[in-house]
N, C-alpha and C. Protein backbone atom coordinates (compact mmCIF):
# COMPACT_ATOMS: atom_id res chain seq x y z
N MET A 1 95.15 86.91 112.05
CA MET A 1 94.33 86.71 110.90
C MET A 1 95.10 85.88 109.89
N LYS A 2 94.57 84.73 109.50
CA LYS A 2 95.30 83.84 108.63
C LYS A 2 95.18 84.25 107.18
N ALA A 3 93.98 84.28 106.66
CA ALA A 3 93.83 84.62 105.27
C ALA A 3 92.45 85.20 105.06
N ILE A 4 92.34 86.00 104.09
CA ILE A 4 91.06 86.62 103.87
C ILE A 4 90.51 86.17 102.56
N LYS A 5 89.27 86.01 102.50
CA LYS A 5 88.66 85.56 101.32
C LYS A 5 87.59 86.50 100.88
N MET A 6 87.73 87.17 99.80
CA MET A 6 86.73 88.05 99.31
C MET A 6 86.39 87.57 97.94
N ILE A 7 85.24 87.80 97.54
CA ILE A 7 84.89 87.33 96.24
C ILE A 7 85.35 88.29 95.24
N GLY A 8 86.19 87.94 94.40
CA GLY A 8 86.63 88.82 93.38
C GLY A 8 88.05 88.54 93.20
N LEU A 9 88.54 88.59 92.07
CA LEU A 9 89.94 88.34 91.94
C LEU A 9 90.49 89.42 92.75
N ALA A 10 89.60 89.94 93.20
CA ALA A 10 89.68 90.68 94.38
C ALA A 10 90.23 89.63 95.20
N ALA A 11 90.31 88.59 94.72
CA ALA A 11 90.76 87.49 95.42
C ALA A 11 92.12 87.16 95.08
N LEU A 12 92.67 87.55 94.07
CA LEU A 12 93.98 87.02 93.80
C LEU A 12 94.82 87.29 94.97
N ALA A 13 94.38 87.00 96.03
CA ALA A 13 95.11 87.01 97.25
C ALA A 13 94.19 87.24 98.36
N VAL A 14 93.06 87.68 98.11
CA VAL A 14 92.14 87.81 99.16
C VAL A 14 90.83 87.41 98.69
N LEU A 15 90.57 87.34 97.94
CA LEU A 15 89.30 87.16 97.48
C LEU A 15 88.32 87.21 98.46
N THR A 16 88.18 86.36 98.24
CA THR A 16 87.40 85.86 97.93
C THR A 16 86.93 85.89 98.93
N ALA A 17 87.09 86.51 99.50
CA ALA A 17 86.49 86.36 99.46
C ALA A 17 86.34 86.33 99.61
N THR A 18 87.54 86.70 99.96
CA THR A 18 87.55 86.69 99.72
C THR A 18 86.40 86.38 99.59
N ALA A 19 84.74 86.45 99.48
CA ALA A 19 83.59 86.09 98.77
C ALA A 19 82.54 86.13 99.74
N PHE A 20 82.24 85.20 100.47
CA PHE A 20 81.16 85.23 101.43
C PHE A 20 81.29 86.38 102.40
N VAL A 21 82.31 87.13 102.32
CA VAL A 21 82.43 88.27 103.21
C VAL A 21 81.33 89.25 102.89
N GLY A 22 80.86 89.21 101.67
CA GLY A 22 79.83 90.14 101.27
C GLY A 22 78.61 90.06 102.15
N VAL A 23 78.36 88.94 102.77
CA VAL A 23 77.17 88.81 103.57
C VAL A 23 77.32 89.43 104.94
N THR A 24 78.44 90.00 105.22
CA THR A 24 78.57 90.66 106.50
C THR A 24 78.03 92.07 106.42
N SER A 25 77.18 92.29 105.44
CA SER A 25 76.59 93.60 105.30
C SER A 25 75.86 93.97 106.57
N ALA A 26 75.77 95.23 106.84
CA ALA A 26 75.11 95.76 108.03
C ALA A 26 75.79 95.28 109.31
N MET A 27 77.09 95.11 109.24
CA MET A 27 77.86 94.69 110.42
C MET A 27 77.61 95.65 111.56
N ALA A 28 77.25 95.18 112.70
CA ALA A 28 77.07 96.04 113.86
C ALA A 28 77.95 95.51 114.97
N GLU A 29 77.80 96.06 116.17
CA GLU A 29 78.65 95.60 117.27
C GLU A 29 78.22 94.25 117.79
N SER A 30 77.21 93.65 117.20
CA SER A 30 76.71 92.38 117.70
C SER A 30 77.54 91.21 117.20
N THR A 31 77.07 89.99 117.49
CA THR A 31 77.97 88.86 117.34
C THR A 31 77.53 87.78 116.36
N VAL A 32 76.33 87.82 115.82
CA VAL A 32 75.89 86.77 114.91
C VAL A 32 75.33 87.39 113.64
N LEU A 33 75.26 86.58 112.59
CA LEU A 33 74.58 87.00 111.37
C LEU A 33 73.15 86.48 111.42
N CYS A 34 72.21 87.33 111.02
CA CYS A 34 70.80 87.02 111.12
C CYS A 34 70.13 87.25 109.78
N SER A 35 69.20 86.37 109.40
CA SER A 35 68.50 86.52 108.12
C SER A 35 67.42 87.58 108.19
N ALA A 36 67.09 88.05 109.39
CA ALA A 36 66.10 89.11 109.57
C ALA A 36 66.76 90.30 110.25
N ASP A 37 66.25 91.50 109.97
CA ASP A 37 66.78 92.71 110.60
C ASP A 37 66.14 92.84 111.97
N GLU A 38 66.66 92.05 112.93
CA GLU A 38 66.08 92.01 114.27
C GLU A 38 67.19 91.81 115.31
N SER A 39 66.93 92.27 116.53
CA SER A 39 67.89 92.08 117.60
C SER A 39 67.12 91.96 118.92
N PRO A 40 67.26 90.86 119.63
CA PRO A 40 68.17 89.75 119.30
C PRO A 40 67.64 88.93 118.14
N CYS A 41 68.52 88.15 117.52
CA CYS A 41 68.15 87.31 116.39
C CYS A 41 67.49 86.03 116.90
N ALA A 42 66.32 85.72 116.35
CA ALA A 42 65.65 84.48 116.72
C ALA A 42 66.52 83.29 116.31
N GLU A 43 66.51 82.24 117.11
CA GLU A 43 67.38 81.10 116.86
C GLU A 43 67.24 80.55 115.45
N GLY A 44 66.01 80.52 114.95
CA GLY A 44 65.77 80.00 113.60
C GLY A 44 66.28 80.90 112.49
N ASN A 45 66.64 82.14 112.82
CA ASN A 45 67.13 83.09 111.80
C ASN A 45 68.64 83.28 111.80
N VAL A 46 69.35 82.59 112.71
CA VAL A 46 70.81 82.72 112.76
C VAL A 46 71.43 82.05 111.53
N ILE A 47 72.31 82.77 110.85
CA ILE A 47 72.97 82.27 109.64
C ILE A 47 74.33 81.70 110.02
N THR A 48 74.58 80.45 109.60
CA THR A 48 75.87 79.83 109.87
C THR A 48 76.62 79.47 108.59
N HIS A 49 75.93 79.48 107.43
CA HIS A 49 76.55 79.14 106.15
C HIS A 49 76.26 80.28 105.17
N LEU A 50 77.30 80.71 104.44
CA LEU A 50 77.19 81.84 103.54
C LEU A 50 77.58 81.48 102.12
N HIS A 51 77.00 82.19 101.16
CA HIS A 51 77.24 81.94 99.74
C HIS A 51 77.38 83.30 99.06
N GLY A 52 78.53 83.57 98.46
CA GLY A 52 78.75 84.86 97.82
C GLY A 52 79.19 84.71 96.38
N ILE A 53 78.94 85.75 95.58
CA ILE A 53 79.32 85.74 94.16
C ILE A 53 79.92 87.09 93.79
N SER A 54 80.70 87.08 92.72
CA SER A 54 81.24 88.34 92.21
C SER A 54 80.13 89.09 91.49
N VAL A 55 80.21 90.41 91.56
CA VAL A 55 79.29 91.26 90.81
C VAL A 55 80.00 91.56 89.50
N GLY A 56 79.48 91.03 88.40
CA GLY A 56 80.22 91.11 87.15
C GLY A 56 81.45 90.23 87.26
N LYS A 57 82.54 90.66 86.70
CA LYS A 57 83.78 89.89 86.72
C LYS A 57 84.72 90.39 87.81
N ALA A 58 85.39 89.47 88.48
CA ALA A 58 86.50 89.82 89.36
C ALA A 58 87.71 90.03 88.45
N ARG A 59 88.55 91.02 88.77
CA ARG A 59 89.64 91.38 87.87
C ARG A 59 91.00 91.35 88.56
N LEU A 60 91.98 90.88 87.82
CA LEU A 60 93.38 90.92 88.25
C LEU A 60 94.11 91.78 87.23
N LEU A 61 94.59 92.93 87.68
CA LEU A 61 95.23 93.90 86.79
C LEU A 61 96.74 93.67 86.81
N THR A 62 97.32 93.37 85.64
CA THR A 62 98.75 93.11 85.55
C THR A 62 99.35 93.88 84.38
N SER A 63 100.66 93.84 84.29
CA SER A 63 101.36 94.52 83.19
C SER A 63 101.16 93.81 81.86
N VAL A 64 100.67 92.55 81.87
CA VAL A 64 100.44 91.83 80.62
C VAL A 64 98.97 91.81 80.23
N GLY A 65 98.13 92.47 80.99
CA GLY A 65 96.70 92.53 80.66
C GLY A 65 95.85 92.33 81.90
N THR A 66 94.55 92.32 81.68
CA THR A 66 93.59 92.15 82.77
C THR A 66 92.97 90.76 82.70
N LEU A 67 93.15 90.00 83.76
CA LEU A 67 92.54 88.68 83.88
C LEU A 67 91.19 88.85 84.53
N GLU A 68 90.14 88.28 83.92
CA GLU A 68 88.78 88.40 84.44
C GLU A 68 88.18 87.01 84.67
N CYS A 69 87.48 86.86 85.80
CA CYS A 69 86.86 85.58 86.16
C CYS A 69 85.51 85.83 86.83
N ASP A 70 84.65 84.82 86.78
CA ASP A 70 83.49 84.77 87.66
C ASP A 70 83.97 84.12 88.95
N ALA A 71 83.55 84.65 90.09
CA ALA A 71 84.02 84.12 91.37
C ALA A 71 82.85 83.72 92.26
N LEU A 72 83.02 82.65 93.00
CA LEU A 72 82.02 82.11 93.89
C LEU A 72 82.72 81.71 95.18
N ALA A 73 82.07 81.96 96.32
CA ALA A 73 82.67 81.56 97.59
C ALA A 73 81.61 80.97 98.52
N LEU A 74 82.02 79.95 99.25
CA LEU A 74 81.16 79.31 100.25
C LEU A 74 81.90 79.37 101.57
N GLY A 75 81.18 79.69 102.65
CA GLY A 75 81.86 79.77 103.93
C GLY A 75 80.94 79.48 105.09
N ASP A 76 81.54 79.19 106.22
CA ASP A 76 80.82 78.92 107.45
C ASP A 76 81.30 79.85 108.55
N VAL A 77 80.38 80.33 109.37
CA VAL A 77 80.75 81.13 110.53
C VAL A 77 81.39 80.18 111.54
N ILE A 78 82.64 80.47 111.93
CA ILE A 78 83.33 79.61 112.89
C ILE A 78 83.53 80.31 114.23
N GLU A 79 83.31 81.61 114.26
CA GLU A 79 83.46 82.34 115.52
C GLU A 79 82.59 83.58 115.48
N GLU A 80 81.74 83.72 116.50
CA GLU A 80 80.92 84.91 116.59
C GLU A 80 81.79 86.10 116.95
N GLY A 81 81.37 87.29 116.57
CA GLY A 81 82.23 88.45 116.71
C GLY A 81 81.92 89.28 117.93
N PRO A 82 82.54 90.45 117.99
CA PRO A 82 83.47 90.94 116.95
C PRO A 82 84.91 90.46 117.19
N PRO A 83 85.73 90.29 116.15
CA PRO A 83 85.30 90.29 114.77
C PRO A 83 84.59 88.98 114.43
N LEU A 84 83.79 89.02 113.39
CA LEU A 84 83.13 87.83 112.90
C LEU A 84 84.15 87.05 112.07
N VAL A 85 84.30 85.74 112.34
CA VAL A 85 85.30 84.93 111.64
C VAL A 85 84.60 83.86 110.83
N LEU A 86 84.97 83.75 109.54
CA LEU A 86 84.40 82.76 108.65
C LEU A 86 85.51 81.93 108.05
N SER A 87 85.19 80.70 107.70
CA SER A 87 86.14 79.81 107.03
C SER A 87 85.48 79.29 105.77
N GLY A 88 86.21 79.32 104.65
CA GLY A 88 85.58 78.87 103.41
C GLY A 88 86.54 78.73 102.26
N THR A 89 85.96 78.47 101.09
CA THR A 89 86.73 78.25 99.87
C THR A 89 86.12 79.07 98.74
N GLY A 90 86.96 79.38 97.77
CA GLY A 90 86.53 80.12 96.60
C GLY A 90 86.78 79.35 95.33
N THR A 91 85.94 79.60 94.33
CA THR A 91 86.06 78.94 93.03
C THR A 91 86.01 80.00 91.94
N PHE A 92 86.89 79.89 90.94
CA PHE A 92 86.92 80.82 89.82
C PHE A 92 86.62 80.07 88.54
N THR A 93 85.71 80.63 87.73
CA THR A 93 85.34 80.00 86.46
C THR A 93 85.34 81.05 85.36
N ASN A 94 85.30 80.56 84.10
CA ASN A 94 85.23 81.44 82.92
C ASN A 94 86.32 82.51 82.95
N CYS A 95 87.55 82.10 83.28
CA CYS A 95 88.66 83.04 83.41
C CYS A 95 89.31 83.28 82.04
N MET A 96 89.51 84.56 81.72
CA MET A 96 90.10 84.93 80.44
C MET A 96 91.13 86.05 80.64
N LEU A 97 92.26 85.94 79.94
CA LEU A 97 93.25 87.00 79.83
C LEU A 97 93.27 87.36 78.36
N GLY A 98 92.55 88.41 77.97
CA GLY A 98 92.36 88.70 76.55
C GLY A 98 91.57 87.57 75.91
N ASP A 99 92.16 86.92 74.90
CA ASP A 99 91.51 85.79 74.23
C ASP A 99 91.99 84.44 74.74
N THR A 100 92.81 84.44 75.80
CA THR A 100 93.40 83.21 76.31
C THR A 100 92.63 82.69 77.52
N ASN A 101 92.25 81.41 77.47
CA ASN A 101 91.61 80.77 78.61
C ASN A 101 92.61 80.58 79.74
N CYS A 102 92.15 80.79 80.98
CA CYS A 102 93.01 80.63 82.14
C CYS A 102 92.31 79.81 83.21
N THR A 103 93.11 79.26 84.10
CA THR A 103 92.56 78.64 85.31
C THR A 103 93.12 79.40 86.51
N VAL A 104 92.27 79.60 87.50
CA VAL A 104 92.66 80.30 88.72
C VAL A 104 92.19 79.45 89.88
N ALA A 105 93.06 79.19 90.84
CA ALA A 105 92.70 78.38 92.00
C ALA A 105 93.37 78.94 93.24
N GLU A 106 92.62 78.92 94.34
CA GLU A 106 93.23 79.32 95.59
C GLU A 106 94.05 78.15 96.12
N GLU A 107 95.09 78.47 96.86
CA GLU A 107 95.93 77.44 97.45
C GLU A 107 95.95 77.63 98.96
N ASN A 108 96.30 76.56 99.66
CA ASN A 108 96.40 76.57 101.13
C ASN A 108 95.06 76.85 101.80
N GLY A 109 93.96 76.45 101.16
CA GLY A 109 92.64 76.66 101.75
C GLY A 109 92.24 75.52 102.65
N PRO A 110 91.13 75.59 103.35
CA PRO A 110 90.26 76.77 103.37
C PRO A 110 90.94 77.94 104.09
N VAL A 111 90.41 79.12 103.83
CA VAL A 111 90.99 80.31 104.44
C VAL A 111 90.00 80.91 105.43
N GLU A 112 90.53 81.73 106.31
CA GLU A 112 89.68 82.44 107.27
C GLU A 112 89.54 83.90 106.87
N THR A 113 88.39 84.45 107.15
CA THR A 113 88.11 85.86 106.90
C THR A 113 87.64 86.49 108.19
N LYS A 114 88.13 87.67 108.49
CA LYS A 114 87.67 88.41 109.66
C LYS A 114 87.08 89.73 109.19
N ALA A 115 85.93 90.05 109.72
CA ALA A 115 85.24 91.28 109.33
C ALA A 115 84.95 92.12 110.58
N LEU A 116 85.15 93.43 110.45
CA LEU A 116 84.93 94.35 111.56
C LEU A 116 84.06 95.52 111.12
N LYS A 117 83.19 95.95 112.02
CA LYS A 117 82.39 97.14 111.78
C LYS A 117 83.26 98.37 112.02
N GLU A 118 83.11 99.40 111.17
CA GLU A 118 83.84 100.65 111.34
C GLU A 118 82.91 101.85 111.43
N GLY A 119 81.63 101.64 111.17
CA GLY A 119 80.67 102.73 111.22
C GLY A 119 79.31 102.21 110.81
N HIS A 120 78.34 103.10 110.68
CA HIS A 120 76.99 102.69 110.27
C HIS A 120 77.01 102.15 108.85
N GLU A 121 76.67 100.86 108.70
CA GLU A 121 76.62 100.19 107.40
C GLU A 121 77.99 100.13 106.72
N ILE A 122 79.07 100.30 107.46
CA ILE A 122 80.42 100.27 106.89
C ILE A 122 81.29 99.33 107.73
N GLY A 123 82.10 98.53 107.05
CA GLY A 123 83.02 97.65 107.74
C GLY A 123 84.23 97.37 106.86
N SER A 124 85.13 96.54 107.35
CA SER A 124 86.32 96.20 106.58
C SER A 124 86.71 94.76 106.79
N VAL A 125 87.43 94.23 105.83
CA VAL A 125 88.06 92.92 105.93
C VAL A 125 89.53 93.11 105.55
N VAL A 126 90.42 92.47 106.28
CA VAL A 126 91.85 92.61 106.02
C VAL A 126 92.49 91.25 106.17
N GLY A 127 93.45 90.93 105.30
CA GLY A 127 94.11 89.64 105.44
C GLY A 127 95.06 89.34 104.31
N GLU A 128 95.20 88.06 104.01
CA GLU A 128 96.13 87.61 102.98
C GLU A 128 95.58 86.37 102.31
N GLY A 129 96.15 86.02 101.18
CA GLY A 129 95.71 84.84 100.46
C GLY A 129 96.70 84.47 99.37
N LEU A 130 96.60 83.26 98.85
CA LEU A 130 97.50 82.75 97.82
C LEU A 130 96.67 82.20 96.67
N ILE A 131 96.94 82.70 95.45
CA ILE A 131 96.20 82.30 94.26
C ILE A 131 97.17 81.82 93.19
N HIS A 132 96.80 80.73 92.50
CA HIS A 132 97.62 80.16 91.42
C HIS A 132 96.92 80.43 90.09
N VAL A 133 97.63 81.04 89.15
CA VAL A 133 97.08 81.43 87.85
C VAL A 133 97.85 80.72 86.75
N VAL A 134 97.11 80.06 85.83
CA VAL A 134 97.71 79.43 84.65
C VAL A 134 96.94 79.90 83.43
N CYS A 135 97.66 80.47 82.46
CA CYS A 135 97.03 80.95 81.22
C CYS A 135 97.80 80.37 80.03
N GLY A 136 97.08 79.60 79.18
CA GLY A 136 97.72 78.99 78.03
C GLY A 136 98.92 78.18 78.47
N GLY A 137 99.95 78.16 77.65
CA GLY A 137 101.15 77.42 78.01
C GLY A 137 102.28 78.33 78.42
N PHE A 138 101.97 79.62 78.66
CA PHE A 138 103.06 80.56 78.90
C PHE A 138 103.03 81.25 80.26
N ILE A 139 101.90 81.25 80.95
CA ILE A 139 101.84 81.90 82.27
C ILE A 139 101.45 80.87 83.32
N ASP A 140 102.30 80.71 84.32
CA ASP A 140 102.05 79.81 85.45
C ASP A 140 102.63 80.50 86.68
N CYS A 141 101.77 81.20 87.43
CA CYS A 141 102.23 82.11 88.48
C CYS A 141 101.40 81.92 89.75
N SER A 142 102.01 82.19 90.88
CA SER A 142 101.30 82.24 92.15
C SER A 142 101.53 83.62 92.77
N TYR A 143 100.45 84.19 93.33
CA TYR A 143 100.52 85.52 93.94
C TYR A 143 100.05 85.45 95.38
N ASN A 144 100.82 86.12 96.24
CA ASN A 144 100.50 86.15 97.65
C ASN A 144 100.33 87.60 98.07
N GLY A 145 99.18 87.90 98.66
CA GLY A 145 98.92 89.25 99.12
C GLY A 145 98.85 89.29 100.63
N THR A 146 99.43 90.31 101.23
CA THR A 146 99.33 90.50 102.67
C THR A 146 98.88 91.93 102.93
N GLY A 147 98.16 92.13 104.01
CA GLY A 147 97.70 93.46 104.35
C GLY A 147 96.68 94.01 103.38
N LEU A 148 96.00 93.14 102.67
CA LEU A 148 94.99 93.56 101.70
C LEU A 148 93.71 93.92 102.43
N LYS A 149 93.05 94.96 101.97
CA LYS A 149 91.87 95.45 102.68
C LYS A 149 90.70 95.64 101.71
N GLY A 150 89.54 95.20 102.16
CA GLY A 150 88.33 95.41 101.41
C GLY A 150 87.33 96.22 102.21
N LEU A 151 86.44 96.90 101.53
CA LEU A 151 85.42 97.73 102.15
C LEU A 151 84.07 97.02 102.10
N ILE A 152 83.41 96.90 103.25
CA ILE A 152 82.07 96.31 103.33
C ILE A 152 81.05 97.44 103.41
N LYS A 153 80.00 97.34 102.58
CA LYS A 153 78.88 98.27 102.67
C LYS A 153 77.61 97.45 102.90
N GLY A 154 76.82 97.86 103.88
CA GLY A 154 75.56 97.20 104.14
C GLY A 154 74.50 97.57 103.11
N PRO A 155 73.34 96.91 103.16
CA PRO A 155 72.30 97.13 102.15
C PRO A 155 71.85 98.58 102.01
N LEU A 156 71.91 99.36 103.09
CA LEU A 156 71.43 100.74 103.00
C LEU A 156 72.38 101.64 102.21
N LEU A 157 73.66 101.29 102.13
CA LEU A 157 74.64 102.11 101.41
C LEU A 157 75.12 101.45 100.12
N SER A 158 74.88 100.17 99.99
CA SER A 158 75.41 99.40 98.87
C SER A 158 74.59 99.62 97.60
N THR A 159 75.25 99.39 96.46
CA THR A 159 74.52 99.35 95.19
C THR A 159 73.87 97.99 94.98
N GLN A 160 74.22 97.01 95.83
CA GLN A 160 73.64 95.67 95.77
C GLN A 160 72.62 95.51 96.89
N PRO A 161 71.47 94.87 96.63
CA PRO A 161 70.42 94.78 97.65
C PRO A 161 70.82 94.02 98.91
N ASN A 162 71.80 93.12 98.82
CA ASN A 162 72.22 92.34 99.98
C ASN A 162 73.54 92.81 100.57
N GLY A 163 74.01 94.00 100.19
CA GLY A 163 75.30 94.49 100.65
C GLY A 163 76.41 94.07 99.71
N GLU A 164 77.63 94.58 99.95
CA GLU A 164 78.73 94.28 99.04
C GLU A 164 80.07 94.43 99.75
N VAL A 165 81.08 93.77 99.16
CA VAL A 165 82.46 93.92 99.57
C VAL A 165 83.22 94.37 98.33
N MET A 166 84.00 95.44 98.46
CA MET A 166 84.75 95.97 97.32
C MET A 166 86.24 95.94 97.62
N VAL A 167 87.00 95.51 96.63
CA VAL A 167 88.45 95.56 96.69
C VAL A 167 88.89 96.40 95.50
N SER A 168 89.68 97.43 95.75
CA SER A 168 90.09 98.33 94.68
C SER A 168 91.60 98.42 94.60
N GLU A 169 92.15 97.82 93.55
CA GLU A 169 93.57 97.89 93.23
C GLU A 169 94.48 97.60 94.42
N GLN A 170 94.18 96.49 95.10
CA GLN A 170 95.02 96.03 96.21
C GLN A 170 96.15 95.16 95.64
N THR A 171 97.39 95.49 95.97
CA THR A 171 98.57 94.86 95.36
C THR A 171 98.96 93.57 96.07
N SER A 172 99.26 92.54 95.26
CA SER A 172 99.88 91.33 95.79
C SER A 172 101.12 91.03 94.94
N ASN A 173 101.99 90.19 95.47
CA ASN A 173 103.31 89.96 94.86
C ASN A 173 103.47 88.53 94.37
N LYS A 174 104.29 88.40 93.32
CA LYS A 174 104.59 87.06 92.78
C LYS A 174 105.33 86.25 93.83
N GLU A 175 104.84 85.04 94.06
CA GLU A 175 105.53 84.12 94.96
C GLU A 175 106.32 83.09 94.17
N THR A 176 105.72 82.57 93.09
CA THR A 176 106.41 81.63 92.20
C THR A 176 106.00 81.94 90.77
N GLY A 177 106.84 81.52 89.83
CA GLY A 177 106.54 81.70 88.41
C GLY A 177 107.74 82.20 87.64
N GLY A 178 107.67 82.01 86.33
CA GLY A 178 108.78 82.39 85.46
C GLY A 178 108.82 83.87 85.15
N PHE A 179 109.69 84.23 84.19
CA PHE A 179 109.90 85.64 83.87
C PHE A 179 108.67 86.28 83.20
N LEU A 180 107.76 85.47 82.66
CA LEU A 180 106.55 86.03 82.06
C LEU A 180 105.50 86.43 83.10
N CYS A 181 105.72 86.04 84.35
CA CYS A 181 104.78 86.40 85.41
C CYS A 181 105.14 87.79 85.92
N PRO A 182 104.20 88.72 85.85
CA PRO A 182 104.47 90.06 86.40
C PRO A 182 104.84 89.96 87.88
N LYS A 183 105.73 90.84 88.34
CA LYS A 183 106.18 90.80 89.73
C LYS A 183 105.07 91.16 90.71
N THR A 184 104.18 92.01 90.27
CA THR A 184 103.04 92.39 91.12
C THR A 184 101.78 92.38 90.28
N GLN A 185 100.66 92.35 90.95
CA GLN A 185 99.36 92.47 90.30
C GLN A 185 98.43 93.16 91.27
N LYS A 186 97.32 93.67 90.77
CA LYS A 186 96.35 94.35 91.63
C LYS A 186 94.99 93.71 91.47
N GLU A 187 94.37 93.43 92.63
CA GLU A 187 93.03 92.86 92.62
C GLU A 187 92.00 93.97 92.61
N ASP A 188 90.92 93.73 91.87
CA ASP A 188 89.89 94.74 91.75
C ASP A 188 88.55 94.03 91.50
N GLY A 189 87.57 94.28 92.34
CA GLY A 189 86.28 93.64 92.14
C GLY A 189 85.32 93.89 93.27
N THR A 190 84.08 93.45 93.05
CA THR A 190 83.01 93.59 94.02
C THR A 190 82.31 92.25 94.18
N ALA A 191 81.95 91.91 95.42
CA ALA A 191 81.25 90.67 95.72
C ALA A 191 79.99 90.98 96.50
N THR A 192 79.01 90.09 96.38
CA THR A 192 77.78 90.25 97.15
C THR A 192 77.30 88.89 97.61
N SER A 193 76.41 88.88 98.57
CA SER A 193 75.82 87.66 99.10
C SER A 193 74.56 87.32 98.34
N LEU A 194 74.21 86.05 98.30
CA LEU A 194 72.96 85.65 97.67
C LEU A 194 71.76 85.96 98.55
N VAL A 195 71.99 86.14 99.85
CA VAL A 195 70.90 86.51 100.77
C VAL A 195 71.39 87.65 101.66
N ALA A 196 70.46 88.46 102.10
CA ALA A 196 70.83 89.53 103.02
C ALA A 196 71.15 88.93 104.38
N ALA A 197 72.16 89.49 105.04
CA ALA A 197 72.55 89.04 106.37
C ALA A 197 72.78 90.28 107.23
N TYR A 198 72.22 90.28 108.41
CA TYR A 198 72.32 91.42 109.31
C TYR A 198 73.05 91.01 110.57
N ALA A 199 73.88 91.90 111.07
CA ALA A 199 74.56 91.63 112.33
C ALA A 199 73.55 91.81 113.45
N SER A 200 73.60 90.90 114.42
CA SER A 200 72.64 90.93 115.53
C SER A 200 73.29 90.32 116.76
N THR A 201 72.52 90.23 117.83
CA THR A 201 73.01 89.61 119.04
C THR A 201 72.36 88.25 119.22
């Protein structure tokens, strides 16, 4: 597994996402994503491109404060599952650390995400990612997370109608940056898909 992308500064190492992972809601033992809850999936209903967004703000929890951003991810299915493999990119906008404007960008993209079913309407994503954070003229840091795990909930269990991916306080470590960059940070956030996607054959 190369890198995971979940939507959410949940991404500051995985995001994002890290992001389009949210559409793997209702992951089953089958191999394709389908726009209809049917099996087998009709050819016209097979989903190959995904679009995910953060639910509220994606958060990066650090010793100097909480960085919050809106997160967006676009991805393509590159391998039918299991596991389902997607490749894509994430974008962060409206990023703030207190009253300070920040920029957040993923590095070494596009990244791959792998998703696995673990039970009825439950799955997981695990991987790594690299995020670059710049706030004002005093914070310029990169964080790399490995072994980060997110929880997938399908539409029947999710608080979101199209399913969701949640990352809760997953730790990543400083890769580069000065003494003002905290040595570790924790990603926290929820992502969802713009359309419902069901696992099918």
